[in-house]
C-alpha atoms as a PDB file:
ATOM      1  CA  MET A   1      -1.898 -22.883  -8.685  1.00  0.00           C
ATOM      2  CA  THR A   2      -0.912 -22.080  -5.155  1.00  0.00           C
ATOM      3  CA  THR A   3      -2.387 -21.537  -1.709  1.00  0.00           C
ATOM      4  CA  ALA A   4      -1.204 -19.462   1.230  1.00  0.00           C
ATOM      5  CA  GLN A   5       0.507 -22.606   2.540  1.00  0.00           C
ATOM      6  CA  SER A   6       2.367 -23.365  -0.711  1.00  0.00           C
ATOM      7  CA  SER A   7       6.141 -23.548  -0.748  1.00  0.00           C
ATOM      8  CA  PRO A   8       7.687 -20.140  -0.021  1.00  0.00           C
ATOM      9  CA  VAL A   9       9.991 -20.665  -3.012  1.00  0.00           C
ATOM     10  CA  ILE A  10       7.037 -21.033  -5.384  1.00  0.00           C
ATOM     11  CA  LEU A  11       5.145 -18.103  -3.881  1.00  0.00           C
ATOM     12  CA  ARG A  12       8.286 -15.932  -4.040  1.00  0.00           C
ATOM     13  CA  ALA A  13       8.790 -16.782  -7.738  1.00  0.00           C
ATOM     14  CA  GLN A  14       5.190 -15.792  -8.528  1.00  0.00           C
ATOM     15  CA  ALA A  15       5.437 -12.563  -6.554  1.00  0.00           C
ATOM     16  CA  ASP A  16       8.754 -11.721  -8.271  1.00  0.00           C
ATOM     17  CA  ARG A  17       7.173 -12.199 -11.709  1.00  0.00           C
ATOM     18  CA  MET A  18       4.207  -9.997 -10.789  1.00  0.00           C
ATOM     19  CA  ALA A  19       6.495  -7.277  -9.449  1.00  0.00           C
ATOM     20  CA  GLU A  20       8.583  -7.422 -12.627  1.00  0.00           C
ATOM     21  CA  VAL A  21       5.470  -6.985 -14.772  1.00  0.00           C
ATOM     22  CA  LEU A  22       4.243  -4.062 -12.652  1.00  0.00           C
ATOM     23  CA  LYS A  23       7.603  -2.292 -12.910  1.00  0.00           C
ATOM     24  CA  ALA A  24       7.667  -2.848 -16.699  1.00  0.00           C
ATOM     25  CA  ALA A  25       4.138  -1.455 -17.038  1.00  0.00           C
ATOM     26  CA  GLU A  26       5.086   1.533 -14.889  1.00  0.00           C
ATOM     27  CA  ARG A  27       7.908   2.230 -17.359  1.00  0.00           C
ATOM     28  CA  ARG A  28       5.363   1.717 -20.193  1.00  0.00           C
ATOM     29  CA  GLU A  29       7.363  -1.197 -21.587  1.00  0.00           C
ATOM     30  CA  VAL A  30       5.484  -3.700 -23.711  1.00  0.00           C
ATOM     31  CA  ILE A  31       6.507  -7.302 -23.224  1.00  0.00           C
ATOM     32  CA  ARG A  32       5.323  -9.159 -26.316  1.00  0.00           C
ATOM     33  CA  ARG A  33       5.172 -12.568 -24.644  1.00  0.00           C
ATOM     34  CA  LEU A  34       2.699 -11.172 -22.095  1.00  0.00           C
ATOM     35  CA  PRO A  35      -0.345  -9.935 -24.030  1.00  0.00           C
ATOM     36  CA  TYR A  36      -2.135  -8.724 -20.884  1.00  0.00           C
ATOM     37  CA  ILE A  37       0.606  -6.245 -20.056  1.00  0.00           C
ATOM     38  CA  GLN A  38      -0.819  -3.851 -22.653  1.00  0.00           C
ATOM     39  CA  ARG A  39      -3.862  -3.468 -20.398  1.00  0.00           C
ATOM     40  CA  LEU A  40      -1.572  -2.498 -17.548  1.00  0.00           C
ATOM     41  CA  VAL A  41       0.290  -0.032 -19.759  1.00  0.00           C
ATOM     42  CA  ASP A  42      -3.058   1.448 -20.851  1.00  0.00           C
ATOM     43  CA  ALA A  43      -4.055   1.768 -17.182  1.00  0.00           C
ATOM     44  CA  ARG A  44      -0.923   3.863 -16.665  1.00  0.00           C
ATOM     45  CA  ASP A  45      -2.951   6.977 -17.498  1.00  0.00           C
ATOM     46  CA  LYS A  46      -4.987   6.495 -14.314  1.00  0.00           C
ATOM     47  CA  PRO A  47      -3.657   7.236 -10.819  1.00  0.00           C
ATOM     48  CA  THR A  48      -4.065   3.623  -9.644  1.00  0.00           C
ATOM     49  CA  VAL A  49      -4.103   0.126 -11.082  1.00  0.00           C
ATOM     50  CA  THR A  50      -6.076  -2.867  -9.852  1.00  0.00           C
ATOM     51  CA  PHE A  51      -4.743  -6.349 -10.508  1.00  0.00           C
ATOM     52  CA  ALA A  52      -5.645  -9.837  -9.375  1.00  0.00           C
ATOM     53  CA  VAL A  53      -3.623 -12.729  -8.026  1.00  0.00           C
ATOM     54  CA  ALA A  54      -5.416 -16.041  -8.654  1.00  0.00           C
ATOM     55  CA  MET A  55      -4.686 -18.818  -6.184  1.00  0.00           C
ATOM     56  CA  ASP A  56      -6.369 -22.174  -5.560  1.00  0.00           C
ATOM     57  CA  ASP A  57      -8.031 -21.030  -2.374  1.00  0.00           C
ATOM     58  CA  LYS A  58      -8.661 -17.363  -3.133  1.00  0.00           C
ATOM     59  CA  ILE A  59      -8.369 -14.505  -5.577  1.00  0.00           C
ATOM     60  CA  LEU A  60      -6.633 -11.399  -4.321  1.00  0.00           C
ATOM     61  CA  LYS A  61      -7.662  -8.041  -5.729  1.00  0.00           C
ATOM     62  CA  ILE A  62      -4.953  -5.459  -5.131  1.00  0.00           C
ATOM     63  CA  GLU A  63      -5.132  -1.763  -5.949  1.00  0.00           C
ATOM     64  CA  MET A  64      -1.915   0.245  -6.009  1.00  0.00           C
ATOM     65  CA  ALA A  65      -1.028   3.784  -6.957  1.00  0.00           C
ATOM     66  CA  TRP A  66       1.380   4.065  -9.887  1.00  0.00           C
ATOM     67  CA  GLU A  67       3.370   6.476  -7.749  1.00  0.00           C
ATOM     68  CA  THR A  68       3.863   3.692  -5.183  1.00  0.00           C
ATOM     69  CA  ILE A  69       4.913   1.252  -7.900  1.00  0.00           C
ATOM     70  CA  ARG A  70       7.382   3.808  -9.251  1.00  0.00           C
ATOM     71  CA  ASP A  71       8.853   4.601  -5.838  1.00  0.00           C
ATOM     72  CA  THR A  72       9.104   0.988  -4.656  1.00  0.00           C
ATOM     73  CA  THR A  73      11.801  -1.419  -5.764  1.00  0.00           C
ATOM     74  CA  LYS A  74      10.897  -4.620  -7.566  1.00  0.00           C
ATOM     75  CA  GLU A  75      11.965  -6.488  -4.444  1.00  0.00           C
ATOM     76  CA  GLY A  76       9.732  -4.321  -2.262  1.00  0.00           C
ATOM     77  CA  LEU A  77       6.737  -4.917  -4.522  1.00  0.00           C
ATOM     78  CA  ALA A  78       7.404  -8.656  -4.531  1.00  0.00           C
ATOM     79  CA  GLU A  79       7.600  -8.650  -0.730  1.00  0.00           C
ATOM     80  CA  PHE A  80       4.261  -6.816  -0.491  1.00  0.00           C
ATOM     81  CA  ILE A  81       2.570  -9.223  -2.927  1.00  0.00           C
ATOM     82  CA  LEU A  82       4.097 -12.225  -1.165  1.00  0.00           C
ATOM     83  CA  GLY A  83       2.727 -10.988   2.145  1.00  0.00           C
ATOM     84  CA  LYS A  84      -0.752 -10.762   0.665  1.00  0.00           C
ATOM     85  CA  MET A  85      -0.423 -14.246  -0.833  1.00  0.00           C
ATOM     86  CA  ARG A  86       0.676 -15.679   2.521  1.00  0.00           C
ATOM     87  CA  GLU A  87      -2.100 -13.784   4.338  1.00  0.00           C
ATOM     88  CA  ASP A  88       0.338 -11.638   6.291  1.00  0.00           C
ATOM     89  CA  ARG A  89      -1.884  -9.115   8.061  1.00  0.00           C
ATOM     90  CA  HIS A  90       0.983  -6.638   8.144  1.00  0.00           C
ATOM     91  CA  ALA A  91       1.897  -6.816   4.428  1.00  0.00           C
ATOM     92  CA  GLY A  92       2.643  -3.347   3.225  1.00  0.00           C
ATOM     93  CA  HIS A  93       2.445  -1.720   6.664  1.00  0.00           C
END
């Protein structure tokens, strides 16, 4: 697990993985090694998706529009998630 003060390399890797999963779900791809992705794919029929980021010191609950996920690069999504993980007040603004 991580905290907001964890190594930027570790936080970046986690944010990259989350962004990759969100982009795959947006494309309705099923990744067999990730059983929870089917829930994200099923949520694709709604305008937004809510997902959680579990950390040692907090749990982030993030809601995003699928349109935003579609229109944002994987790198952009990872940067947004990373900002939230590091408690950047300007993440996504």
